[in-house]
Structures are given as C-alpha cells and as structure tokens.
Protein backbone atom coordinates (compact mmCIF):
# COMPACT_ATOMS: atom_id res chain seq x y z
CA MET A 1 -0.02 0.00 -0.11
CA MET A 2 1.26 3.39 -1.12
CA GLU A 3 2.12 5.56 1.95
CA SER A 4 0.04 9.20 2.45
CA PRO A 5 1.42 11.99 0.64
CA ARG A 6 1.29 13.95 4.01
CA ASN A 7 3.70 11.12 5.37
CA ILE A 8 6.80 11.51 2.39
CA SER A 9 9.74 13.62 3.16
CA ILE A 10 12.01 15.20 0.81
CA LYS A 11 14.63 13.10 2.81
CA ASP A 12 13.51 9.74 1.89
CA TYR A 13 14.60 10.82 -1.72
CA THR A 14 18.09 12.17 -0.74
CA TYR A 15 21.27 10.36 -1.53
CA GLU A 16 24.45 10.56 -3.04
CA LEU A 17 24.88 9.34 -6.58
CA PRO A 18 28.38 10.17 -7.98
CA ALA A 19 28.11 10.82 -12.04
CA GLU A 20 30.20 8.28 -12.88
CA ARG A 21 27.56 5.54 -11.24
CA ILE A 22 24.94 6.68 -14.18
CA ALA A 23 24.77 4.75 -17.02
CA LEU A 24 24.82 7.18 -20.35
CA HIS A 25 24.20 4.33 -22.66
CA PRO A 26 23.53 0.96 -23.01
CA LEU A 27 26.51 -1.39 -22.96
CA PRO A 28 27.07 -3.10 -26.57
CA GLU A 29 26.06 -6.36 -25.01
CA ARG A 30 22.57 -5.64 -23.39
CA ASP A 31 22.37 -8.71 -21.40
CA ALA A 32 25.84 -8.10 -19.66
CA SER A 33 24.21 -5.29 -17.69
CA LYS A 34 24.51 -5.81 -13.85
CA LEU A 35 22.12 -7.74 -12.31
CA LEU A 36 21.17 -6.95 -8.51
CA LEU A 37 20.07 -9.98 -6.35
CA TYR A 38 18.68 -9.80 -2.39
CA ARG A 39 18.52 -13.60 -1.37
CA GLU A 40 18.34 -14.90 2.35
CA GLY A 41 19.08 -11.47 3.26
CA LYS A 42 22.36 -10.87 1.50
CA ILE A 43 22.82 -8.85 -1.29
CA SER A 44 24.97 -9.93 -4.33
CA GLU A 45 25.46 -9.19 -8.05
CA ASP A 46 25.48 -11.20 -11.36
CA VAL A 47 24.81 -10.55 -15.06
CA PHE A 48 21.43 -9.93 -16.76
CA LYS A 49 22.38 -13.11 -19.28
CA ASN A 50 22.15 -15.03 -15.92
CA ILE A 51 18.61 -14.29 -14.95
CA ALA A 52 17.24 -17.40 -15.71
CA GLY A 53 19.15 -19.26 -13.19
CA PHE A 54 17.48 -17.21 -10.55
CA ILE A 55 14.10 -17.73 -11.36
CA PRO A 56 12.02 -20.20 -9.87
CA GLU A 57 10.37 -22.91 -12.02
CA GLY A 58 6.69 -22.18 -12.53
CA SER A 59 7.25 -18.61 -11.80
CA LEU A 60 5.21 -16.03 -13.96
CA VAL A 61 7.53 -13.60 -15.65
CA VAL A 62 6.23 -10.45 -17.16
CA PHE A 63 7.81 -8.43 -19.32
CA ASN A 64 7.58 -4.41 -19.47
CA ASN A 65 8.58 -2.36 -21.82
CA THR A 66 7.37 1.06 -20.73
CA LYS A 67 9.99 4.01 -20.94
CA VAL A 68 11.06 6.77 -19.05
CA ILE A 69 9.02 10.00 -18.94
CA ASN A 70 10.11 13.54 -17.74
CA ALA A 71 7.97 13.83 -14.35
CA ARG A 72 7.50 15.99 -11.41
CA ILE A 73 6.45 15.20 -7.86
CA ARG A 74 5.49 18.24 -5.69
CA PHE A 75 5.31 18.42 -2.02
CA ARG A 76 3.96 21.24 0.31
CA ARG A 77 5.91 22.27 3.49
CA HIS A 78 3.81 22.92 6.50
CA THR A 79 4.96 26.24 6.20
CA GLY A 80 3.04 26.63 2.65
CA GLY A 81 6.23 26.55 0.95
CA VAL A 82 6.39 24.41 -2.17
CA VAL A 83 9.28 21.73 -2.93
CA GLU A 84 9.42 20.34 -6.61
CA ILE A 85 11.50 16.82 -7.71
CA PHE A 86 12.10 16.39 -11.36
C-alpha cells in the first residue's frame, strides 16, 4: 500500500549518486548489464544473461516495455512552501 503523501519526506529521496555511476548509454551487449540479487538477507551481483538461473520453476515472468518520461513530484511544506522533485 502506498504511503500517504502527507507522510512522505524529501529526505526519503536524498542520497549520494556519483556521476560516474550513471549509465549514459546501454552496454554493447545488453545482457551483460548488472543484475542485483537479494537472497536470504544478502545482496550480491551477477549479470542479466544469468537471470534464468535465479527464477524459480513455474514463476510468472511479466515483461515491461515502458519508457521513462519527464515527471515531477510536488510537495507542500507545512509552512506553505512548495518543494518540487524532477
């Protein structure tokens, strides 16, 4: 369930992201991209081409071909000021 907008804080969206960690272009071999795994309370990495080995038999896999759009999230402070994230 989504949290009430009244309980969302700008601090929830504040984190360090070094510019060199942002992919500007896809890899030449798309399936060589990183795959983040969370299993049994531990985080590890692999590559996307190995994803089939992590999906349990009988699982439903849904493919998403949506695109990122320019979007804005607007908040109003208790003082009346407006905060905008985009």
